[in-house]
Amino acid sequence: MSNLQTYAVVDLEMTGTNPNGSERLIQFSCVFTEGNKIVNTFSTLINPLRKIPEDVQNLTNITDKDVKNAPTFDEVAGTIYALLSDTVFVAHNIELDYRFLNSEFERIGFPKLDIEGIDTVQLAQIAFPTLASYRLGDLAHFLGFKHKHPHHADSDAFVTAELFILLQKKLASMPEALLKSLLKLSDALLYETKQCILQAYENKRKQYEMLDKEHIEVDGIVLRRPRFEVKKGFDDKFPKTEAEQSRLFSGVIDWRKEQAKMMNDIYEHFNDDEKMLLVQAPTGMGKTLGYLVPGAYQAQEGASTVVSTSTTALLDQIVKESVPLLKKIVPFDFTYEVMKGSGHYIDLEKFSHTLKIPMNNQTRLLQMRILSWLWQTTTGDMDELRLTTYRAQLFKMIKHAGVGSLSDKSAFYGLDFVRLRDVRVKFADFVFTNHSYLVRHAEEIGKKKANLILDEAQNIPGVAMEQGGSVFDFDLVKIYSDTLLVSMESRISFSFEGLIRQHFLTKNEYRTILRNIQIIDHSVPFIREKFWERYVRTKGGSKKEFVETLLSPNKVLGLLKENFAIFLKTT
């Protein structure tokens, strides 16, 4: 490929997508680009010589009447074949369009097209790794393209051409080090999609550009340099009157009486001696700004604010929607940090390791997407990738396990996202978290004096019970011990006796393990019965009624003392 290469950006509409050869084209559209410019277009309706299914007509707005006088594919195949020769075939989801078109060519006796192909879906996933959807209509919306007739091949092809040009420019903006790392993984991409990355890399290498001051490269991974914001001073007072608040909100949101009252009440509460304030705010009143605005003014007076929400989803909504709105409202800077469980963040050392071991193509594409994201992110929060699921094995391999799991000898130690977050939290005006994290890490968050706002506070007791509780199932322990004893004493298949023969265990080790499991197996029913008699059984002696009982430490300690020997032997 070269800068003078002609790209044919193709989109098809057909009677159906079944690959068995029974479906037919109803529209072919192509937009030609050269040097990142659209140079020509070609589009034609095609008579499939059959009725178009009703669902396809509804989707495409192409009716049987529209194609009645259109040429058949046999009549336009020669023109299409000639137009596509000596071009690079580009499509959004190339697997469908390229294969379907070749199937149609073969059906009427033409040879298959043998030209290179590029998939804009995969390129978009790499170039824009944090988008929620990569459907063409959604991309057009996210990226600001006009898409006049979605699911109409001429409009789809034109938007795909605009997208392809933007993707090439985005790749060209990436640093050489990032492109080099992407290139190492690009064999995983469909057809010749990797050639776009190769071309961008070769062009960047010829320019001899140094990595900009905002970024740093470590082991082939390009990261943003850590930055700690310095705020400008501001000494304006909190706006309490309707006139002051209307001026503050002007051009951003409308002044609302109930929201303003909530703001005033919260600000006054921040400055009085009362420890708690309960606010009931109906849906749609604007409660989030109702507490964020006074919190922002508190920051100017030296007090930070911790905001805890009931769910991570609500937390993300506040950060993505309410915080940007707050920045437009208040006439000063403020800083904020988000606190989530460490598993939400990427461990750079672990991710770096995965780049060096064999992976399948789907995982390689995900790694390329993450590399591009790391070039942009300041948080390392993998929720920014906005995936519908994080069940891929890769995420189990790269998720953070907490600062305690890090090695200070790692090249990534000083750039670790969780470590940097913990430093920034100490100086942040706002700390946003969820109830689950707050319950488990309250001391960590509240090392300095701060106001605490519990959004949907009614969920706190349930979260506290869930996070603070644990279950010990006596019956399950009994089942496991029974199963182990059967396995250990069995001579069938690969038994413990076989492990001894292979010197995996000594006979003494085997006997010690066997004795310990026998103790557990015999003791657990006894301990369960003691708990039942002391805390569960009713006066009538029935075992059918289950109750949930709050036990004081002293009551549990009494049971332990009375049966200390059996507990000691079992543990």
Protein backbone atom coordinates (compact mmCIF):
# COMPACT_ATOMS: atom_id res chain seq x y z
CA MET A 1 0.00 0.00 0.00
CA SER A 2 1.08 3.58 -0.63
CA ASN A 3 -0.32 7.07 -0.18
CA LEU A 4 -1.46 6.93 -3.85
CA GLN A 5 -3.34 3.66 -3.35
CA THR A 6 -7.00 3.64 -4.38
CA TYR A 7 -9.33 2.27 -1.73
CA ALA A 8 -12.78 1.01 -2.69
CA VAL A 9 -15.08 1.45 0.30
CA VAL A 10 -17.96 -0.95 -0.34
CA ASP A 11 -21.36 -1.55 1.19
CA LEU A 12 -24.00 -4.03 0.09
CA GLU A 13 -27.67 -4.54 0.72
CA MET A 14 -29.05 -8.01 0.11
CA THR A 15 -32.20 -10.08 0.52
CA GLY A 16 -30.59 -11.85 3.47
CA THR A 17 -27.23 -12.78 4.96
CA ASN A 18 -27.53 -16.58 4.81
CA PRO A 19 -24.19 -17.82 3.42
CA ASN A 20 -25.71 -20.81 1.57
CA GLY A 21 -25.87 -18.95 -1.77
CA SER A 22 -29.65 -18.51 -1.79
CA GLU A 23 -29.65 -14.74 -1.14
CA ARG A 24 -29.19 -11.96 -3.72
CA LEU A 25 -27.90 -8.38 -3.89
CA ILE A 26 -30.37 -5.52 -4.04
CA GLN A 27 -27.88 -2.62 -3.91
CA PHE A 28 -24.15 -2.14 -4.50
CA SER A 29 -22.41 1.08 -3.48
CA CYS A 30 -18.75 2.05 -3.55
CA VAL A 31 -16.85 5.20 -2.58
CA PHE A 32 -13.27 5.55 -3.84
CA THR A 33 -10.62 7.31 -1.78
CA GLU A 34 -7.05 8.33 -2.52
CA GLY A 35 -4.67 10.23 -0.27
CA ASN A 36 -7.34 10.52 2.45
CA LYS A 37 -9.80 12.16 0.04
CA ILE A 38 -12.98 10.93 -1.60
CA VAL A 39 -12.38 10.95 -5.36
CA ASN A 40 -15.34 9.09 -6.86
CA THR A 41 -18.53 7.16 -6.12
CA PHE A 42 -20.59 4.45 -7.79
CA SER A 43 -23.96 3.08 -6.70
CA THR A 44 -26.70 1.02 -8.27
CA LEU A 45 -29.84 -0.79 -7.23
CA ILE A 46 -29.95 -4.42 -8.37
CA ASN A 47 -32.99 -6.49 -9.31
CA PRO A 48 -32.74 -9.76 -7.34
CA LEU A 49 -35.42 -11.35 -9.54
CA ARG A 50 -37.32 -12.33 -6.41
CA LYS A 51 -39.44 -10.70 -3.75
CA ILE A 52 -37.52 -8.73 -1.12
CA PRO A 53 -38.42 -9.96 2.41
CA GLU A 54 -40.60 -7.54 4.33
CA ASP A 55 -38.10 -7.16 7.19
CA VAL A 56 -35.37 -6.22 4.68
CA GLN A 57 -37.68 -3.65 3.06
CA ASN A 58 -38.41 -2.15 6.47
CA LEU A 59 -34.72 -2.02 7.36
CA THR A 60 -33.36 -0.63 4.09
CA ASN A 61 -36.41 1.23 2.72
CA ILE A 62 -35.69 -0.53 -0.58
CA THR A 63 -38.93 -1.99 -1.96
CA ASP A 64 -39.79 -4.41 -4.77
CA LYS A 65 -41.01 -1.39 -6.73
CA ASP A 66 -37.64 0.34 -6.35
CA VAL A 67 -35.73 -2.56 -7.95
CA LYS A 68 -38.32 -3.55 -10.55
CA ASN A 69 -36.56 -1.73 -13.42
CA ALA A 70 -33.03 -1.98 -11.96
CA PRO A 71 -30.36 -4.08 -13.74
CA THR A 72 -29.73 -7.63 -12.60
CA PHE A 73 -26.38 -8.54 -11.09
CA ASP A 74 -25.40 -10.30 -14.34
CA GLU A 75 -25.79 -6.96 -16.15
CA VAL A 76 -23.62 -4.92 -13.78
CA ALA A 77 -21.13 -7.55 -12.62
CA GLY A 78 -18.56 -6.67 -15.30
CA THR A 79 -18.65 -2.99 -14.38
CA ILE A 80 -18.33 -3.72 -10.65
CA TYR A 81 -15.50 -6.19 -11.21
CA ALA A 82 -13.58 -3.69 -13.34
CA LEU A 83 -14.10 -0.88 -10.83
CA LEU A 84 -12.77 -2.98 -7.93
CA SER A 85 -9.73 -4.37 -9.76
CA ASP A 86 -6.45 -2.82 -8.63
CA THR A 87 -8.06 -1.32 -5.50
CA VAL A 88 -8.01 -2.28 -1.83
CA PHE A 89 -11.43 -3.50 -0.67
CA VAL A 90 -12.61 -1.68 2.47
CA ALA A 91 -15.80 -2.50 4.37
CA HIS A 92 -17.39 -2.21 7.79
CA ASN A 93 -17.48 -5.90 8.75
CA ILE A 94 -15.53 -7.06 5.72
CA GLU A 95 -16.17 -10.76 6.26
CA LEU A 96 -19.79 -10.41 5.18
CA ASP A 97 -19.46 -8.00 2.24
CA TYR A 98 -16.31 -9.46 0.65
CA ARG A 99 -17.50 -13.06 0.87
CA PHE A 100 -21.02 -12.28 -0.31
CA LEU A 101 -19.80 -10.30 -3.33
CA ASN A 102 -17.37 -13.06 -4.33
CA SER A 103 -20.15 -15.61 -3.97
CA GLU A 104 -22.24 -13.58 -6.41
CA PHE A 105 -19.33 -13.30 -8.85
CA GLU A 106 -18.77 -17.07 -8.76
CA ARG A 107 -22.49 -17.74 -9.21
CA ILE A 108 -22.49 -16.09 -12.65
CA GLY A 109 -19.11 -17.43 -13.76
CA PHE A 110 -16.71 -14.66 -12.76
CA PRO A 111 -13.51 -15.49 -10.86
CA LYS A 112 -13.26 -14.45 -7.24
CA LEU A 113 -11.86 -11.03 -6.51
CA ASP A 114 -8.26 -11.40 -5.40
CA ILE A 115 -7.55 -7.98 -3.93
CA GLU A 116 -6.43 -6.91 -0.47
CA GLY A 117 -9.06 -6.10 2.16
CA ILE A 118 -9.40 -3.87 5.22
CA ASP A 119 -11.96 -4.05 8.01
CA THR A 120 -12.99 -0.69 9.51
CA VAL A 121 -14.63 -2.34 12.53
CA GLN A 122 -11.31 -3.64 13.84
CA LEU A 123 -9.50 -0.40 12.98
CA ALA A 124 -12.15 1.58 14.87
CA GLN A 125 -11.78 -0.68 17.92
CA ILE A 126 -8.04 0.05 17.95
CA ALA A 127 -8.18 3.77 17.11
CA PHE A 128 -11.14 4.58 19.40
CA PRO A 129 -10.91 1.94 22.16
CA THR A 130 -13.39 3.50 24.61
CA LEU A 131 -16.51 3.74 22.44
CA ALA A 132 -19.60 1.88 23.62
CA SER A 133 -20.52 0.50 20.17
CA TYR A 134 -18.84 -0.02 16.81
CA ARG A 135 -21.95 -0.32 14.69
CA LEU A 136 -21.74 2.08 11.78
CA GLY A 137 -24.72 4.17 12.86
CA ASP A 138 -23.37 4.52 16.39
CA LEU A 139 -19.88 5.43 15.12
CA ALA A 140 -21.41 8.10 12.89
CA HIS A 141 -23.19 9.55 15.91
CA PHE A 142 -20.14 9.40 18.21
CA LEU A 143 -17.78 10.88 15.60
CA GLY A 144 -20.13 13.53 14.18
CA PHE A 145 -20.74 12.16 10.67
CA LYS A 146 -24.01 12.88 8.89
CA HIS A 147 -25.70 9.58 8.13
CA LYS A 148 -28.75 10.42 6.05
CA HIS A 149 -30.04 6.92 5.26
CA PRO A 150 -28.75 4.18 7.58
CA HIS A 151 -28.91 0.67 6.08
CA HIS A 152 -28.98 2.17 2.59
CA ALA A 153 -25.78 1.11 0.81
CA ASP A 154 -24.94 4.49 -0.76
CA SER A 155 -25.22 6.32 2.58
CA ASP A 156 -23.47 3.52 4.50
CA ALA A 157 -20.59 3.42 2.01
CA PHE A 158 -20.10 7.19 2.17
CA VAL A 159 -20.04 7.20 5.99
CA THR A 160 -17.67 4.22 6.00
CA ALA A 161 -15.35 6.14 3.64
CA GLU A 162 -15.38 9.15 5.98
CA LEU A 163 -14.70 6.80 8.89
CA PHE A 164 -11.83 5.11 7.03
CA ILE A 165 -10.17 8.47 6.32
CA LEU A 166 -10.53 9.47 9.98
CA LEU A 167 -9.07 6.13 11.09
CA GLN A 168 -6.02 6.62 8.88
CA LYS A 169 -5.50 10.09 10.36
CA LYS A 170 -5.89 8.71 13.89
CA LEU A 171 -3.26 6.05 13.24
CA ALA A 172 -0.98 8.72 11.77
CA SER A 173 -1.27 10.70 15.04
CA MET A 174 -0.04 7.79 17.16
CA PRO A 175 3.60 7.76 18.30
CA GLU A 176 6.04 5.45 16.58
CA ALA A 177 6.54 3.34 19.71
CA LEU A 178 2.81 2.61 19.99
CA LEU A 179 2.51 1.78 16.28
CA LYS A 180 5.48 -0.57 16.59
CA SER A 181 3.81 -2.44 19.48
CA LEU A 182 0.51 -2.61 17.59
CA LEU A 183 2.30 -3.91 14.52
CA LYS A 184 3.75 -6.84 16.47
CA LEU A 185 0.20 -8.03 17.22
CA SER A 186 -1.41 -7.08 13.91
CA ASP A 187 -1.24 -10.52 12.28
CA ALA A 188 -4.41 -11.18 14.28
CA LEU A 189 -6.38 -8.71 12.12
CA LEU A 190 -8.65 -9.68 9.23
CA TYR A 191 -7.35 -9.73 5.66
CA GLU A 192 -4.72 -7.00 5.14
CA THR A 193 -6.00 -4.64 7.83
CA LYS A 194 -2.54 -4.70 9.40
CA GLN A 195 -1.20 -2.82 6.36
CA CYS A 196 -2.86 0.37 7.63
CA ILE A 197 -0.82 0.14 10.83
CA LEU A 198 2.32 -0.74 8.86
CA GLN A 199 1.90 2.27 6.57
CA ALA A 200 1.36 4.61 9.54
CA TYR A 201 4.43 3.14 11.26
CA GLU A 202 6.66 3.47 8.18
CA ASN A 203 5.57 7.09 7.65
CA LYS A 204 6.16 7.93 11.33
CA ARG A 205 9.59 6.28 11.29
CA LYS A 206 10.66 8.43 8.35
CA GLN A 207 9.76 11.57 10.30
CA TYR A 208 12.17 10.77 13.18
CA GLU A 209 9.70 12.20 15.70
CA MET A 210 10.54 11.99 19.40
CA LEU A 211 7.87 10.92 21.88
CA ASP A 212 6.15 14.06 23.18
CA LYS A 213 6.68 15.27 26.76
CA GLU A 214 3.20 14.15 27.81
CA HIS A 215 4.02 10.47 27.32
CA ILE A 216 6.58 7.89 28.36
CA GLU A 217 7.42 4.48 26.89
CA VAL A 218 8.11 1.48 29.12
CA ASP A 219 8.75 -1.95 27.63
CA GLY A 220 6.88 -1.08 24.42
CA ILE A 221 3.86 0.38 26.24
CA VAL A 222 3.21 4.11 25.77
CA LEU A 223 1.68 5.77 28.83
CA ARG A 224 0.72 9.28 29.84
CA ARG A 225 3.16 10.80 32.30
CA PRO A 226 1.66 11.21 35.80
CA ARG A 227 0.48 14.75 36.46
CA PHE A 228 -0.69 16.39 39.64
CA GLU A 229 -2.92 19.41 39.12
CA VAL A 230 -2.18 22.75 40.74
CA LYS A 231 -5.36 24.76 41.32
CA LYS A 232 -5.66 28.50 41.00
CA GLY A 233 -6.92 30.30 44.10
CA PHE A 234 -10.50 31.58 44.21
CA ASP A 235 -12.14 33.43 47.09
CA ASP A 236 -15.69 34.10 45.90
CA LYS A 237 -18.46 33.21 48.38
CA PHE A 238 -21.12 30.55 47.97
CA PRO A 239 -24.14 31.98 46.07
CA LYS A 240 -27.18 31.78 48.36
CA THR A 241 -29.74 34.06 46.73
CA GLU A 242 -31.86 33.28 43.69
CA ALA A 243 -30.19 36.09 41.73
CA GLU A 244 -26.68 34.83 42.53
CA GLN A 245 -27.54 31.26 41.66
CA SER A 246 -29.32 32.25 38.44
CA ARG A 247 -26.17 34.09 37.32
CA LEU A 248 -24.07 31.08 38.25
CA PHE A 249 -26.26 28.64 36.30
CA SER A 250 -26.85 30.98 33.35
CA GLY A 251 -26.35 29.26 30.01
CA VAL A 252 -25.83 25.85 31.64
CA ILE A 253 -28.97 24.84 33.57
CA ASP A 254 -32.13 26.58 34.74
CA TRP A 255 -32.51 27.71 38.35
CA ARG A 256 -34.89 25.40 40.24
CA LYS A 257 -36.29 26.32 43.61
CA GLU A 258 -36.11 22.86 45.27
CA GLN A 259 -32.61 22.21 43.96
CA ALA A 260 -31.46 25.62 45.21
CA LYS A 261 -32.97 24.93 48.64
CA MET A 262 -31.12 21.62 48.81
CA MET A 263 -27.85 23.33 47.87
CA ASN A 264 -28.29 25.96 50.57
CA ASP A 265 -29.23 23.41 53.24
CA ILE A 266 -26.21 21.24 52.46
CA TYR A 267 -23.80 24.18 52.39
CA GLU A 268 -25.10 25.43 55.74
CA HIS A 269 -24.82 21.92 57.15
CA PHE A 270 -21.18 21.76 56.08
CA ASN A 271 -20.53 24.83 58.22
CA ASP A 272 -22.50 24.02 61.38
CA ASP A 273 -21.91 21.59 64.24
CA GLU A 274 -24.57 19.04 63.29
CA LYS A 275 -23.01 15.71 62.34
CA MET A 276 -25.79 14.43 60.08
CA LEU A 277 -28.31 15.79 57.60
CA LEU A 278 -30.96 13.66 55.91
CA VAL A 279 -32.20 14.93 52.54
CA GLN A 280 -35.04 13.32 50.60
CA ALA A 281 -34.87 14.38 46.95
CA PRO A 282 -37.44 13.25 44.37
CA THR A 283 -36.30 11.94 40.98
CA GLY A 284 -35.60 14.68 38.46
CA MET A 285 -34.92 17.40 41.04
CA GLY A 286 -31.21 17.53 40.24
CA LYS A 287 -29.97 16.12 43.55
CA THR A 288 -26.47 15.36 42.27
CA LEU A 289 -25.70 18.99 41.48
CA GLY A 290 -27.59 19.83 44.65
CA TYR A 291 -24.71 18.39 46.68
CA LEU A 292 -21.84 18.82 44.20
CA VAL A 293 -22.11 22.62 43.99
CA PRO A 294 -21.82 23.22 47.76
CA GLY A 295 -19.09 20.57 47.85
CA ALA A 296 -17.11 22.48 45.23
CA TYR A 297 -17.34 25.71 47.24
CA GLN A 298 -16.30 23.81 50.35
CA ALA A 299 -13.14 22.78 48.51
CA GLN A 300 -12.24 26.46 48.15
CA GLU A 301 -12.42 26.69 51.92
CA GLY A 302 -10.05 23.75 52.40
CA ALA A 303 -12.50 20.89 53.00
CA SER A 304 -12.76 17.90 50.68
CA THR A 305 -15.93 15.91 50.04
CA VAL A 306 -16.34 12.12 49.73
CA VAL A 307 -19.35 11.09 47.65
CA SER A 308 -20.46 7.46 47.86
CA THR A 309 -23.07 5.98 45.52
CA SER A 310 -24.97 2.72 45.70
CA THR A 311 -23.52 1.21 42.53
CA THR A 312 -20.49 1.50 40.26
CA ALA A 313 -22.84 2.29 37.36
CA LEU A 314 -24.23 5.32 39.22
CA LEU A 315 -20.68 6.31 40.15
CA ASP A 316 -19.66 6.27 36.47
CA GLN A 317 -22.75 8.31 35.56
CA ILE A 318 -21.84 11.03 38.08
CA VAL A 319 -18.26 11.21 36.81
CA LYS A 320 -19.18 11.22 33.11
CA GLU A 321 -22.24 13.49 33.26
CA SER A 322 -22.51 15.50 36.47
CA VAL A 323 -18.84 16.39 36.97
CA PRO A 324 -18.44 17.92 33.46
CA LEU A 325 -21.63 19.91 34.09
CA LEU A 326 -20.28 21.12 37.43
CA LYS A 327 -17.09 22.30 35.70
CA LYS A 328 -19.22 24.48 33.43
CA ILE A 329 -21.12 25.96 36.38
CA VAL A 330 -18.53 26.89 39.00
CA PRO A 331 -16.02 29.64 38.08
CA PHE A 332 -12.97 27.86 39.50
CA ASP A 333 -10.96 24.67 39.18
CA PHE A 334 -11.47 21.61 41.34
CA THR A 335 -9.88 18.17 41.42
CA TYR A 336 -11.49 14.79 41.86
CA GLU A 337 -10.52 11.16 42.07
CA VAL A 338 -12.51 7.93 41.70
CA MET A 339 -11.99 5.07 44.16
CA LYS A 340 -12.96 1.56 43.04
CA GLY A 341 -11.78 -1.90 43.98
CA SER A 342 -8.31 -2.68 42.65
CA GLY A 343 -9.75 -5.30 40.30
CA HIS A 344 -11.18 -2.52 38.13
CA TYR A 345 -7.66 -1.32 37.27
CA ILE A 346 -5.04 -2.73 34.95
CA ASP A 347 -1.78 -4.09 36.34
CA LEU A 348 0.80 -2.85 33.82
CA GLU A 349 3.41 -5.46 34.74
CA LYS A 350 0.92 -8.29 34.21
CA PHE A 351 -0.31 -6.81 30.93
CA SER A 352 3.24 -6.41 29.68
CA HIS A 353 3.82 -10.09 30.40
CA THR A 354 0.78 -11.16 28.32
CA LEU A 355 2.23 -9.38 25.28
CA LYS A 356 5.11 -11.83 25.30
CA ILE A 357 3.14 -15.10 25.40
CA PRO A 358 1.04 -16.78 22.66
CA MET A 359 -2.58 -15.64 22.43
CA ASN A 360 -5.43 -16.23 19.99
CA ASN A 361 -6.49 -13.60 17.45
CA GLN A 362 -9.44 -12.34 19.48
CA THR A 363 -7.21 -11.75 22.49
CA ARG A 364 -4.54 -10.08 20.34
CA LEU A 365 -7.14 -7.62 19.04
CA LEU A 366 -8.17 -6.88 22.64
CA GLN A 367 -4.51 -6.30 23.55
CA MET A 368 -4.16 -3.85 20.65
CA ARG A 369 -7.21 -2.01 21.88
CA ILE A 370 -5.75 -1.83 25.40
CA LEU A 371 -2.40 -0.55 24.08
CA SER A 372 -4.21 2.29 22.30
CA TRP A 373 -6.25 3.02 25.44
CA LEU A 374 -3.15 3.13 27.65
CA TRP A 375 -1.77 5.85 25.37
CA GLN A 376 -4.79 7.98 26.35
CA THR A 377 -5.98 7.02 29.85
CA THR A 378 -5.01 8.83 33.02
CA THR A 379 -6.76 6.42 35.39
CA GLY A 380 -6.07 2.86 34.24
CA ASP A 381 -9.71 2.04 35.07
CA MET A 382 -10.64 -0.74 32.64
CA ASP A 383 -14.31 0.26 32.88
CA GLU A 384 -13.34 3.04 30.45
CA LEU A 385 -13.16 0.39 27.72
CA ARG A 386 -16.95 0.08 28.05
CA LEU A 387 -17.04 -3.61 27.17
CA THR A 388 -20.30 -5.49 27.60
CA THR A 389 -18.41 -8.20 29.49
CA TYR A 390 -15.00 -8.55 31.09
CA ARG A 391 -15.09 -12.36 31.23
CA ALA A 392 -12.25 -12.84 28.75
CA GLN A 393 -9.34 -14.76 30.27
CA LEU A 394 -7.08 -11.78 29.50
CA PHE A 395 -8.82 -9.64 32.12
CA LYS A 396 -8.29 -12.29 34.79
CA MET A 397 -4.59 -12.18 33.90
CA ILE A 398 -4.14 -8.39 33.95
CA LYS A 399 -6.48 -7.11 36.66
CA HIS A 400 -4.85 -5.38 39.61
CA ALA A 401 -4.61 -7.21 42.94
CA GLY A 402 -3.82 -4.18 45.12
CA VAL A 403 -0.70 -2.19 45.94
CA GLY A 404 0.53 -4.96 48.22
CA SER A 405 0.94 -7.27 45.24
CA LEU A 406 3.36 -4.94 43.42
CA SER A 407 7.12 -5.31 43.24
CA ASP A 408 9.13 -2.14 43.66
CA LYS A 409 11.64 -3.65 41.22
CA SER A 410 9.12 -3.53 38.35
CA ALA A 411 9.73 -0.95 35.62
CA PHE A 412 6.05 0.00 35.99
CA TYR A 413 6.09 0.51 39.78
CA GLY A 414 6.37 4.31 39.62
CA LEU A 415 3.62 4.47 36.98
CA ASP A 416 1.17 2.09 38.64
CA PHE A 417 -2.34 3.48 38.37
CA VAL A 418 -3.55 2.37 41.81
CA ARG A 419 -0.47 3.78 43.56
CA LEU A 420 -0.83 7.11 41.75
CA ARG A 421 -4.55 7.19 42.51
CA ASP A 422 -3.91 6.71 46.21
CA VAL A 423 -1.51 9.67 46.16
CA ARG A 424 -3.94 11.93 44.30
CA VAL A 425 -6.79 11.04 46.67
CA LYS A 426 -4.93 12.76 49.52
CA PHE A 427 -5.16 16.09 47.70
CA ALA A 428 -8.44 15.73 45.78
CA ASP A 429 -11.35 18.11 46.38
CA PHE A 430 -13.83 15.32 45.60
CA VAL A 431 -13.42 11.59 46.12
CA PHE A 432 -16.08 9.51 44.36
CA THR A 433 -16.64 5.91 45.38
CA ASN A 434 -19.40 3.36 45.92
CA HIS A 435 -20.89 2.02 49.14
CA SER A 436 -19.16 -1.33 48.78
CA TYR A 437 -15.71 0.23 48.54
CA LEU A 438 -16.51 2.78 51.27
CA VAL A 439 -17.52 0.09 53.77
CA ARG A 440 -14.29 -1.84 53.19
CA HIS A 441 -11.91 1.12 52.91
CA ALA A 442 -13.41 3.92 55.01
CA GLU A 443 -10.19 4.51 56.95
CA GLU A 444 -8.14 4.62 53.77
CA ILE A 445 -10.41 7.25 52.19
CA GLY A 446 -10.95 9.34 55.30
CA LYS A 447 -7.39 9.93 56.49
CA LYS A 448 -8.03 13.65 56.39
CA LYS A 449 -11.09 15.58 57.50
CA ALA A 450 -13.77 15.41 54.84
CA ASN A 451 -17.50 15.83 54.34
CA LEU A 452 -19.27 12.56 53.54
CA ILE A 453 -22.29 12.39 51.22
CA LEU A 454 -24.12 9.07 50.93
CA ASP A 455 -26.19 9.06 47.76
CA GLU A 456 -29.03 6.53 48.19
CA ALA A 457 -28.00 6.01 51.80
CA GLN A 458 -30.83 3.53 52.36
CA ASN A 459 -28.66 0.88 50.65
CA ILE A 460 -25.77 1.23 53.11
CA PRO A 461 -27.02 -1.33 55.73
CA GLY A 462 -27.47 -4.02 53.08
CA VAL A 463 -24.06 -3.36 51.59
CA ALA A 464 -22.45 -3.41 55.03
CA MET A 465 -24.06 -6.76 55.81
CA GLU A 466 -22.96 -8.19 52.49
CA GLN A 467 -19.38 -6.94 52.74
CA GLY A 468 -18.93 -7.72 56.42
CA GLY A 469 -20.50 -11.15 56.51
CA SER A 470 -19.24 -14.62 55.68
CA VAL A 471 -20.87 -18.05 55.54
CA PHE A 472 -19.60 -21.28 57.03
CA ASP A 473 -21.59 -24.23 55.70
CA PHE A 474 -21.14 -27.21 58.05
CA ASP A 475 -22.98 -29.56 55.70
CA LEU A 476 -20.73 -28.61 52.76
CA VAL A 477 -17.58 -29.22 54.83
CA LYS A 478 -18.96 -32.66 55.78
CA ILE A 479 -19.65 -33.49 52.13
CA TYR A 480 -16.14 -32.42 51.05
CA SER A 481 -14.47 -34.42 53.82
CA ASP A 482 -16.52 -37.53 52.98
CA THR A 483 -15.61 -37.18 49.31
CA LEU A 484 -11.91 -36.79 50.11
CA LEU A 485 -11.92 -39.84 52.37
CA VAL A 486 -13.50 -41.96 49.63
CA SER A 487 -10.87 -40.75 47.16
CA MET A 488 -7.98 -41.35 49.54
CA GLU A 489 -9.03 -44.86 50.43
CA SER A 490 -10.02 -45.85 46.92
CA ARG A 491 -7.82 -48.10 44.78
CA ILE A 492 -9.67 -47.27 41.59
CA SER A 493 -8.17 -45.03 38.87
CA PHE A 494 -5.50 -42.56 40.02
CA SER A 495 -5.83 -42.86 43.81
CA PHE A 496 -3.70 -41.47 46.63
CA GLU A 497 -2.03 -44.86 46.72
CA GLY A 498 -0.87 -44.11 43.18
CA LEU A 499 0.57 -40.80 44.35
CA ILE A 500 2.62 -42.65 46.94
CA ARG A 501 3.93 -45.09 44.31
CA GLN A 502 5.02 -42.15 42.17
CA HIS A 503 6.74 -40.56 45.19
CA PHE A 504 4.45 -37.53 45.05
CA LEU A 505 3.62 -38.25 48.71
CA THR A 506 5.34 -40.24 51.40
CA LYS A 507 3.38 -42.78 53.42
CA ASN A 508 3.75 -40.59 56.54
CA GLU A 509 2.42 -37.53 54.70
CA TYR A 510 -0.48 -39.61 53.42
CA ARG A 511 -1.34 -40.85 56.92
CA THR A 512 -1.14 -37.31 58.35
CA ILE A 513 -3.52 -35.95 55.71
CA LEU A 514 -5.87 -38.89 56.17
CA ARG A 515 -5.94 -38.46 59.97
CA ASN A 516 -6.66 -34.71 59.72
CA ILE A 517 -9.54 -35.23 57.30
CA GLN A 518 -10.98 -37.98 59.51
CA ILE A 519 -10.89 -35.55 62.48
CA ILE A 520 -12.75 -32.91 60.45
CA ASP A 521 -15.24 -35.47 59.19
CA HIS A 522 -16.05 -36.68 62.73
CA SER A 523 -15.92 -33.30 64.48
CA VAL A 524 -17.96 -31.06 62.14
CA PRO A 525 -21.33 -32.73 62.91
CA PHE A 526 -20.62 -32.37 66.64
CA ILE A 527 -19.73 -28.66 66.30
CA ARG A 528 -22.77 -28.03 64.11
CA GLU A 529 -24.99 -29.63 66.75
CA LYS A 530 -23.49 -27.42 69.49
CA PHE A 531 -24.21 -24.25 67.47
CA TRP A 532 -27.72 -25.50 66.79
CA GLU A 533 -28.50 -26.26 70.40
CA ARG A 534 -27.11 -22.98 71.67
CA TYR A 535 -28.40 -20.49 69.11
CA VAL A 536 -31.03 -21.98 66.78
CA ARG A 537 -33.19 -24.67 68.39
CA THR A 538 -36.46 -23.36 69.74
CA LYS A 539 -37.87 -24.26 73.16
CA GLY A 540 -40.01 -26.92 71.58
CA GLY A 541 -36.92 -28.58 70.24
CA SER A 542 -37.96 -28.29 66.60
CA LYS A 543 -35.26 -28.15 63.92
CA LYS A 544 -37.62 -26.99 61.21
CA GLU A 545 -37.59 -23.31 62.08
CA PHE A 546 -34.59 -21.27 60.92
CA VAL A 547 -33.85 -17.87 62.40
CA GLU A 548 -31.29 -15.12 61.86
CA THR A 549 -29.77 -14.18 65.21
CA LEU A 550 -27.36 -11.38 66.08
CA LEU A 551 -24.72 -12.80 68.41
CA SER A 552 -22.48 -10.80 70.66
CA PRO A 553 -18.76 -11.73 70.72
CA ASN A 554 -19.11 -12.82 74.36
CA LYS A 555 -21.80 -15.38 73.50
CA VAL A 556 -19.65 -16.93 70.78
CA LEU A 557 -16.60 -16.86 73.06
CA GLY A 558 -18.53 -18.82 75.68
CA LEU A 559 -19.27 -21.62 73.23
CA LEU A 560 -15.64 -21.71 72.13
CA LYS A 561 -14.39 -22.00 75.74
CA GLU A 562 -16.77 -24.82 76.57
CA ASN A 563 -15.65 -26.83 73.54
CA PHE A 564 -12.10 -25.58 73.25
CA ALA A 565 -10.52 -29.01 72.83
CA ILE A 566 -12.63 -30.01 69.85
CA PHE A 567 -12.20 -26.61 68.16
CA LEU A 568 -8.43 -26.76 68.69
CA LYS A 569 -8.21 -30.27 67.28
CA THR A 570 -10.32 -29.39 64.24
CA THR A 571 -8.50 -26.20 63.31
